[in-house]
C-alpha cells in the first residue's frame, strides 16, 4: 500500500508516473527486440553489456550507447517527440522545465508500470541541484508524446531504451550514466550564447561534453561546492 501511495503521489507532481492497465502487458523481463537488438549486435555488444544515455534538447535526440568489444559505441539515436520548457536547467517545481546535467540511473529508477507506458527516472535533483536548492520530483524519460518536465519518446522506442538499461543493470552495471545537454556543446554551439543567463552553467556542462568527445566513455564527474568537476 505504501508503494502504491508513493507512485500515485508522484503522478500528481509530474504526470509522468503512475499505473496503467496496458503496462501489465509489459513484463519486467521482456526480452530486447527489434532494431536495438540488431543495432547492438553490429557493434559486438550483448544485451547485458553496459549502457549509457545522452540527451540533446534542441535537436530532440536521445542517444543510446553500449559498451562492447570495440569500446563504447552509439547504438541508436531516438527522436524525442516532446519535452516541456526551453533551453536551460530545471530549477523549481512547476517551472515546466526538463533537467539538464549529469545524472545516475539505477535499478530503482525503472518503472515498468508508468502512467505513460514505461519510465526511467532521470535522478533529478542530483547533488548539484540540491546544493542550489532546485526542487522537483519524478522527472522521467517515458513513452507517449506528452510532457510536463519530462522527456517523451514513442512507446516502441521506450521499450527498446528501457530494456537496454534494465538488462545492463541486471547484467552487473551498478549505474547507468545519463548526460543531458541543451545543445551540441562544440564551438559553434556555444558561439553567441555568452549573454544567456545559463551560460556559466553551460560552461560546466561543456567540460563534460569535451571529455566525452575525447574519450567516448562515461564521464568521471563529481560535484564540488555546487559545481560540476570533470576528471578522475
C-alpha atoms as a PDB file:
ATOM      1  CA  UNK A   1       0.000   0.000   0.000  1.00  0.00           C
ATOM      2  CA  UNK A   2       2.819   2.388   0.822  1.00  0.00           C
ATOM      3  CA  UNK A   3       4.434   1.810  -2.599  1.00  0.00           C
ATOM      4  CA  UNK A   4       1.128   2.457  -4.394  1.00  0.00           C
ATOM      5  CA  UNK A   5       0.624   5.668  -2.396  1.00  0.00           C
ATOM      6  CA  UNK A   6       4.103   6.930  -3.318  1.00  0.00           C
ATOM      7  CA  UNK A   7       3.569   6.214  -7.023  1.00  0.00           C
ATOM      8  CA  UNK A   8       0.195   7.973  -7.045  1.00  0.00           C
ATOM      9  CA  UNK A   9       1.640  10.987  -5.246  1.00  0.00           C
ATOM     10  CA  UNK A  10       4.473  11.185  -7.794  1.00  0.00           C
ATOM     11  CA  UNK A  11       1.972  11.103 -10.635  1.00  0.00           C
ATOM     12  CA  UNK A  12       0.301  14.210  -9.246  1.00  0.00           C
ATOM     13  CA  UNK A  13       3.615  16.031  -9.049  1.00  0.00           C
ATOM     14  CA  UNK A  14       4.821  15.303 -12.548  1.00  0.00           C
ATOM     15  CA  UNK A  15       2.221  13.437 -14.552  1.00  0.00           C
ATOM     16  CA  UNK A  16       4.917  11.034 -15.751  1.00  0.00           C
ATOM     17  CA  UNK A  17       4.401   8.054 -13.456  1.00  0.00           C
ATOM     18  CA  UNK A  18       1.527   6.035 -12.137  1.00  0.00           C
ATOM     19  CA  UNK A  19      -0.200   2.829 -13.115  1.00  0.00           C
ATOM     20  CA  UNK A  20      -1.882   1.861 -16.358  1.00  0.00           C
ATOM     21  CA  UNK A  21      -3.587  -1.371 -17.370  1.00  0.00           C
ATOM     22  CA  UNK A  22      -1.748  -1.505 -20.681  1.00  0.00           C
ATOM     23  CA  UNK A  23       1.578  -1.668 -18.850  1.00  0.00           C
ATOM     24  CA  UNK A  24       0.583  -5.029 -17.388  1.00  0.00           C
ATOM     25  CA  UNK A  25       1.271  -6.421 -20.848  1.00  0.00           C
ATOM     26  CA  UNK A  26       4.936  -5.483 -20.447  1.00  0.00           C
ATOM     27  CA  UNK A  27       6.914  -7.912 -18.305  1.00  0.00           C
ATOM     28  CA  UNK A  28       9.808  -6.736 -16.185  1.00  0.00           C
ATOM     29  CA  UNK A  29      11.855  -9.336 -18.060  1.00  0.00           C
ATOM     30  CA  UNK A  30      10.526  -8.771 -21.569  1.00  0.00           C
ATOM     31  CA  UNK A  31      13.453  -9.528 -23.904  1.00  0.00           C
ATOM     32  CA  UNK A  32      15.183  -6.934 -26.011  1.00  0.00           C
ATOM     33  CA  UNK A  33      13.886  -6.960 -29.533  1.00  0.00           C
ATOM     34  CA  UNK A  34      13.661  -5.085 -32.779  1.00  0.00           C
ATOM     35  CA  UNK A  35      16.149  -2.594 -34.057  1.00  0.00           C
ATOM     36  CA  UNK A  36      18.042  -2.037 -30.810  1.00  0.00           C
ATOM     37  CA  UNK A  37      18.922  -5.738 -30.586  1.00  0.00           C
ATOM     38  CA  UNK A  38      20.077  -5.734 -34.203  1.00  0.00           C
ATOM     39  CA  UNK A  39      21.998  -2.484 -33.737  1.00  0.00           C
ATOM     40  CA  UNK A  40      23.723  -3.805 -30.615  1.00  0.00           C
ATOM     41  CA  UNK A  41      24.893  -6.904 -32.445  1.00  0.00           C
ATOM     42  CA  UNK A  42      26.509  -4.786 -35.170  1.00  0.00           C
ATOM     43  CA  UNK A  43      28.806  -3.174 -32.595  1.00  0.00           C
ATOM     44  CA  UNK A  44      29.544  -6.552 -30.982  1.00  0.00           C
ATOM     45  CA  UNK A  45      27.542  -5.788 -27.867  1.00  0.00           C
ATOM     46  CA  UNK A  46      25.446  -8.291 -25.946  1.00  0.00           C
ATOM     47  CA  UNK A  47      22.071  -7.490 -24.305  1.00  0.00           C
ATOM     48  CA  UNK A  48      23.678  -7.399 -20.849  1.00  0.00           C
ATOM     49  CA  UNK A  49      26.591  -5.114 -21.741  1.00  0.00           C
ATOM     50  CA  UNK A  50      26.814  -1.678 -20.054  1.00  0.00           C
ATOM     51  CA  UNK A  51      24.655   1.156 -21.378  1.00  0.00           C
ATOM     52  CA  UNK A  52      24.693   4.945 -21.296  1.00  0.00           C
ATOM     53  CA  UNK A  53      22.281   7.660 -22.457  1.00  0.00           C
ATOM     54  CA  UNK A  54      22.864  11.135 -23.883  1.00  0.00           C
ATOM     55  CA  UNK A  55      20.071  13.650 -24.490  1.00  0.00           C
ATOM     56  CA  UNK A  56      20.445  16.780 -26.628  1.00  0.00           C
ATOM     57  CA  UNK A  57      17.492  19.101 -26.119  1.00  0.00           C
ATOM     58  CA  UNK A  58      17.453  21.462 -29.072  1.00  0.00           C
ATOM     59  CA  UNK A  59      17.806  18.691 -31.665  1.00  0.00           C
ATOM     60  CA  UNK A  60      15.320  16.460 -29.802  1.00  0.00           C
ATOM     61  CA  UNK A  61      17.682  13.482 -29.706  1.00  0.00           C
ATOM     62  CA  UNK A  62      18.192  10.640 -27.236  1.00  0.00           C
ATOM     63  CA  UNK A  63      21.317   8.592 -27.885  1.00  0.00           C
ATOM     64  CA  UNK A  64      21.693   5.039 -26.578  1.00  0.00           C
ATOM     65  CA  UNK A  65      25.322   3.965 -26.144  1.00  0.00           C
ATOM     66  CA  UNK A  66      26.598   0.483 -25.289  1.00  0.00           C
ATOM     67  CA  UNK A  67      29.960  -0.943 -24.363  1.00  0.00           C
ATOM     68  CA  UNK A  68      31.062  -3.895 -26.460  1.00  0.00           C
ATOM     69  CA  UNK A  69      34.290  -5.487 -27.565  1.00  0.00           C
ATOM     70  CA  UNK A  70      35.088  -2.348 -29.583  1.00  0.00           C
ATOM     71  CA  UNK A  71      34.562   0.013 -26.670  1.00  0.00           C
ATOM     72  CA  UNK A  72      31.650   2.413 -26.221  1.00  0.00           C
ATOM     73  CA  UNK A  73      29.572   2.924 -29.351  1.00  0.00           C
ATOM     74  CA  UNK A  74      26.397   4.811 -30.114  1.00  0.00           C
ATOM     75  CA  UNK A  75      23.878   2.082 -30.897  1.00  0.00           C
ATOM     76  CA  UNK A  76      20.897   4.160 -31.902  1.00  0.00           C
ATOM     77  CA  UNK A  77      19.501   7.710 -31.815  1.00  0.00           C
ATOM     78  CA  UNK A  78      15.836   8.179 -30.953  1.00  0.00           C
ATOM     79  CA  UNK A  79      13.747  11.271 -31.686  1.00  0.00           C
ATOM     80  CA  UNK A  80      12.345  12.965 -28.586  1.00  0.00           C
ATOM     81  CA  UNK A  81       8.779  13.768 -29.542  1.00  0.00           C
ATOM     82  CA  UNK A  82       8.191  16.102 -26.608  1.00  0.00           C
ATOM     83  CA  UNK A  83       9.898  17.925 -23.762  1.00  0.00           C
ATOM     84  CA  UNK A  84       8.496  20.927 -21.968  1.00  0.00           C
ATOM     85  CA  UNK A  85      10.036  24.316 -21.302  1.00  0.00           C
ATOM     86  CA  UNK A  86      13.003  25.911 -23.048  1.00  0.00           C
ATOM     87  CA  UNK A  87      16.780  25.502 -23.047  1.00  0.00           C
ATOM     88  CA  UNK A  88      18.153  25.746 -19.525  1.00  0.00           C
ATOM     89  CA  UNK A  89      18.078  23.647 -16.345  1.00  0.00           C
ATOM     90  CA  UNK A  90      15.127  22.839 -14.146  1.00  0.00           C
ATOM     91  CA  UNK A  91      15.132  24.990 -11.010  1.00  0.00           C
ATOM     92  CA  UNK A  92      11.838  24.608  -9.206  1.00  0.00           C
ATOM     93  CA  UNK A  93       8.683  22.568  -9.017  1.00  0.00           C
ATOM     94  CA  UNK A  94       6.135  23.809 -11.515  1.00  0.00           C
ATOM     95  CA  UNK A  95       8.501  25.671 -13.854  1.00  0.00           C
ATOM     96  CA  UNK A  96       7.778  23.045 -16.553  1.00  0.00           C
ATOM     97  CA  UNK A  97      11.485  22.782 -17.333  1.00  0.00           C
ATOM     98  CA  UNK A  98      13.173  19.492 -18.198  1.00  0.00           C
ATOM     99  CA  UNK A  99      16.509  18.827 -16.416  1.00  0.00           C
ATOM    100  CA  UNK A 100      19.998  19.391 -17.801  1.00  0.00           C
ATOM    101  CA  UNK A 101      23.163  17.967 -16.278  1.00  0.00           C
ATOM    102  CA  UNK A 102      24.749  14.647 -15.315  1.00  0.00           C
ATOM    103  CA  UNK A 103      22.536  12.067 -13.657  1.00  0.00           C
ATOM    104  CA  UNK A 104      22.569   8.453 -12.497  1.00  0.00           C
ATOM    105  CA  UNK A 105      20.096   5.692 -13.338  1.00  0.00           C
ATOM    106  CA  UNK A 106      19.867   2.691 -11.005  1.00  0.00           C
ATOM    107  CA  UNK A 107      17.525  -0.278 -10.742  1.00  0.00           C
ATOM    108  CA  UNK A 108      15.149   1.739  -8.581  1.00  0.00           C
ATOM    109  CA  UNK A 109      14.876   4.336 -11.383  1.00  0.00           C
ATOM    110  CA  UNK A 110      12.941   1.909 -13.589  1.00  0.00           C
ATOM    111  CA  UNK A 111       9.127   1.886 -13.521  1.00  0.00           C
ATOM    112  CA  UNK A 112       7.508  -0.843 -15.673  1.00  0.00           C
ATOM    113  CA  UNK A 113       4.038   0.353 -14.637  1.00  0.00           C
ATOM    114  CA  UNK A 114       4.304   4.005 -15.601  1.00  0.00           C
ATOM    115  CA  UNK A 115       1.277   6.154 -16.414  1.00  0.00           C
ATOM    116  CA  UNK A 116       2.909   6.963 -19.748  1.00  0.00           C
ATOM    117  CA  UNK A 117       3.976   3.377 -20.594  1.00  0.00           C
ATOM    118  CA  UNK A 118       7.363   2.611 -19.059  1.00  0.00           C
ATOM    119  CA  UNK A 119       9.524   5.276 -17.487  1.00  0.00           C
ATOM    120  CA  UNK A 120      13.066   5.839 -16.279  1.00  0.00           C
ATOM    121  CA  UNK A 121      13.644   8.402 -13.541  1.00  0.00           C
ATOM    122  CA  UNK A 122      16.349  10.877 -14.566  1.00  0.00           C
ATOM    123  CA  UNK A 123      17.591  11.210 -10.977  1.00  0.00           C
ATOM    124  CA  UNK A 124      16.712  14.895 -10.658  1.00  0.00           C
ATOM    125  CA  UNK A 125      17.566  16.518  -8.309  1.00  0.00           C
ATOM    126  CA  UNK A 126      21.188  15.383  -8.108  1.00  0.00           C
ATOM    127  CA  UNK A 127      23.699  16.720  -5.583  1.00  0.00           C
ATOM    128  CA  UNK A 128      24.405  19.844  -7.665  1.00  0.00           C
ATOM    129  CA  UNK A 129      20.701  20.581  -7.984  1.00  0.00           C
ATOM    130  CA  UNK A 130      20.185  20.146  -4.256  1.00  0.00           C
ATOM    131  CA  UNK A 131      23.141  22.420  -3.479  1.00  0.00           C
ATOM    132  CA  UNK A 132      21.414  25.186  -5.438  1.00  0.00           C
ATOM    133  CA  UNK A 133      18.070  24.307  -3.789  1.00  0.00           C
ATOM    134  CA  UNK A 134      16.451  23.279  -7.047  1.00  0.00           C
ATOM    135  CA  UNK A 135      13.215  21.422  -6.479  1.00  0.00           C
ATOM    136  CA  UNK A 136      11.143  18.938  -8.427  1.00  0.00           C
ATOM    137  CA  UNK A 137      10.377  15.239  -8.442  1.00  0.00           C
ATOM    138  CA  UNK A 138       9.588  12.362 -10.791  1.00  0.00           C
ATOM    139  CA  UNK A 139      11.264  13.845 -13.866  1.00  0.00           C
ATOM    140  CA  UNK A 140      11.283  10.975 -16.328  1.00  0.00           C
ATOM    141  CA  UNK A 141      12.180   9.582 -19.697  1.00  0.00           C
ATOM    142  CA  UNK A 142       8.945   7.860 -20.736  1.00  0.00           C
ATOM    143  CA  UNK A 143       6.723   6.699 -23.562  1.00  0.00           C
ATOM    144  CA  UNK A 144       3.846   8.670 -25.119  1.00  0.00           C
ATOM    145  CA  UNK A 145       4.271  12.131 -26.600  1.00  0.00           C
ATOM    146  CA  UNK A 146       3.278  14.408 -23.732  1.00  0.00           C
ATOM    147  CA  UNK A 147       5.469  16.008 -21.105  1.00  0.00           C
ATOM    148  CA  UNK A 148       5.482  18.206 -18.026  1.00  0.00           C
ATOM    149  CA  UNK A 149       9.195  18.448 -17.278  1.00  0.00           C
ATOM    150  CA  UNK A 150       9.959  15.011 -18.727  1.00  0.00           C
ATOM    151  CA  UNK A 151      11.472  13.619 -21.939  1.00  0.00           C
ATOM    152  CA  UNK A 152       8.941  11.675 -24.026  1.00  0.00           C
ATOM    153  CA  UNK A 153       9.690   9.207 -26.823  1.00  0.00           C
ATOM    154  CA  UNK A 154       7.307   6.816 -28.556  1.00  0.00           C
ATOM    155  CA  UNK A 155       6.159   3.678 -26.762  1.00  0.00           C
ATOM    156  CA  UNK A 156       8.033   1.414 -29.182  1.00  0.00           C
ATOM    157  CA  UNK A 157      11.262   3.343 -28.703  1.00  0.00           C
ATOM    158  CA  UNK A 158      10.743   3.425 -24.959  1.00  0.00           C
ATOM    159  CA  UNK A 159      10.556  -0.360 -24.892  1.00  0.00           C
ATOM    160  CA  UNK A 160      13.958  -0.519 -26.566  1.00  0.00           C
ATOM    161  CA  UNK A 161      15.643   2.026 -24.287  1.00  0.00           C
ATOM    162  CA  UNK A 162      14.019   0.620 -21.152  1.00  0.00           C
ATOM    163  CA  UNK A 163      15.030  -2.974 -21.963  1.00  0.00           C
ATOM    164  CA  UNK A 164      18.613  -1.972 -22.761  1.00  0.00           C
ATOM    165  CA  UNK A 165      19.017  -0.088 -19.467  1.00  0.00           C
ATOM    166  CA  UNK A 166      17.249  -2.820 -17.472  1.00  0.00           C
ATOM    167  CA  UNK A 167      19.438  -5.591 -18.903  1.00  0.00           C
ATOM    168  CA  UNK A 168      22.640  -3.604 -18.383  1.00  0.00           C
ATOM    169  CA  UNK A 169      21.771  -3.164 -14.705  1.00  0.00           C
ATOM    170  CA  UNK A 170      20.742  -6.802 -14.333  1.00  0.00           C
ATOM    171  CA  UNK A 171      23.973  -7.782 -16.072  1.00  0.00           C
ATOM    172  CA  UNK A 172      26.084  -6.170 -13.353  1.00  0.00           C
ATOM    173  CA  UNK A 173      26.398  -2.492 -14.277  1.00  0.00           C
ATOM    174  CA  UNK A 174      25.885  -0.640 -10.990  1.00  0.00           C
ATOM    175  CA  UNK A 175      24.553   2.543 -12.541  1.00  0.00           C
ATOM    176  CA  UNK A 176      23.849   3.980 -15.982  1.00  0.00           C
ATOM    177  CA  UNK A 177      25.070   7.487 -16.688  1.00  0.00           C
ATOM    178  CA  UNK A 178      22.593   9.972 -18.154  1.00  0.00           C
ATOM    179  CA  UNK A 179      24.038  13.081 -19.774  1.00  0.00           C
ATOM    180  CA  UNK A 180      21.548  15.837 -20.657  1.00  0.00           C
ATOM    181  CA  UNK A 181      22.736  18.801 -22.735  1.00  0.00           C
ATOM    182  CA  UNK A 182      20.829  21.851 -24.026  1.00  0.00           C
ATOM    183  CA  UNK A 183      22.548  21.599 -27.432  1.00  0.00           C
ATOM    184  CA  UNK A 184      25.668  20.109 -29.016  1.00  0.00           C
ATOM    185  CA  UNK A 185      28.271  21.914 -26.969  1.00  0.00           C
ATOM    186  CA  UNK A 186      31.000  22.346 -29.570  1.00  0.00           C
ATOM    187  CA  UNK A 187      32.473  25.699 -30.553  1.00  0.00           C
ATOM    188  CA  UNK A 188      29.569  26.537 -32.844  1.00  0.00           C
ATOM    189  CA  UNK A 189      27.002  25.502 -30.280  1.00  0.00           C
ATOM    190  CA  UNK A 190      28.466  27.801 -27.623  1.00  0.00           C
ATOM    191  CA  UNK A 191      29.059  30.693 -30.007  1.00  0.00           C
ATOM    192  CA  UNK A 192      26.764  33.650 -29.459  1.00  0.00           C
ATOM    193  CA  UNK A 193      25.379  32.404 -26.146  1.00  0.00           C
ATOM    194  CA  UNK A 194      27.665  34.295 -23.732  1.00  0.00           C
ATOM    195  CA  UNK A 195      24.839  36.660 -22.771  1.00  0.00           C
ATOM    196  CA  UNK A 196      22.446  33.848 -21.872  1.00  0.00           C
ATOM    197  CA  UNK A 197      21.515  33.608 -18.176  1.00  0.00           C
ATOM    198  CA  UNK A 198      22.632  29.955 -18.102  1.00  0.00           C
ATOM    199  CA  UNK A 199      25.972  30.449 -19.856  1.00  0.00           C
ATOM    200  CA  UNK A 200      28.144  29.769 -16.797  1.00  0.00           C
ATOM    201  CA  UNK A 201      26.208  26.590 -16.071  1.00  0.00           C
ATOM    202  CA  UNK A 202      26.558  25.533 -19.684  1.00  0.00           C
ATOM    203  CA  UNK A 203      30.325  26.021 -19.442  1.00  0.00           C
ATOM    204  CA  UNK A 204      30.288  23.385 -16.690  1.00  0.00           C
ATOM    205  CA  UNK A 205      28.394  21.009 -18.972  1.00  0.00           C
ATOM    206  CA  UNK A 206      30.758  21.756 -21.854  1.00  0.00           C
ATOM    207  CA  UNK A 207      33.675  20.355 -19.847  1.00  0.00           C
ATOM    208  CA  UNK A 208      31.813  17.056 -19.674  1.00  0.00           C
ATOM    209  CA  UNK A 209      30.876  17.250 -23.351  1.00  0.00           C
ATOM    210  CA  UNK A 210      34.505  17.838 -24.363  1.00  0.00           C
ATOM    211  CA  UNK A 211      35.732  14.991 -22.137  1.00  0.00           C
ATOM    212  CA  UNK A 212      33.224  12.586 -23.642  1.00  0.00           C
ATOM    213  CA  UNK A 213      34.006  13.630 -27.199  1.00  0.00           C
ATOM    214  CA  UNK A 214      37.682  12.873 -26.484  1.00  0.00           C
ATOM    215  CA  UNK A 215      37.384   9.577 -24.586  1.00  0.00           C
ATOM    216  CA  UNK A 216      33.980   8.201 -25.681  1.00  0.00           C
ATOM    217  CA  UNK A 217      33.084   6.656 -22.322  1.00  0.00           C
ATOM    218  CA  UNK A 218      31.088   7.619 -19.212  1.00  0.00           C
ATOM    219  CA  UNK A 219      32.284  10.885 -17.723  1.00  0.00           C
ATOM    220  CA  UNK A 220      34.050  10.910 -14.341  1.00  0.00           C
ATOM    221  CA  UNK A 221      32.017  13.691 -12.760  1.00  0.00           C
ATOM    222  CA  UNK A 222      31.789  14.968  -9.193  1.00  0.00           C
ATOM    223  CA  UNK A 223      30.172  18.000  -7.588  1.00  0.00           C
ATOM    224  CA  UNK A 224      32.367  20.379  -5.602  1.00  0.00           C
ATOM    225  CA  UNK A 225      30.782  23.400  -3.925  1.00  0.00           C
ATOM    226  CA  UNK A 226      27.807  23.189  -6.240  1.00  0.00           C
ATOM    227  CA  UNK A 227      29.884  22.939  -9.428  1.00  0.00           C
ATOM    228  CA  UNK A 228      30.446  20.004 -11.780  1.00  0.00           C
ATOM    229  CA  UNK A 229      34.073  18.880 -11.822  1.00  0.00           C
ATOM    230  CA  UNK A 230      35.247  16.615 -14.628  1.00  0.00           C
ATOM    231  CA  UNK A 231      38.175  14.216 -14.451  1.00  0.00           C
ATOM    232  CA  UNK A 232      39.469  11.325 -12.418  1.00  0.00           C
END
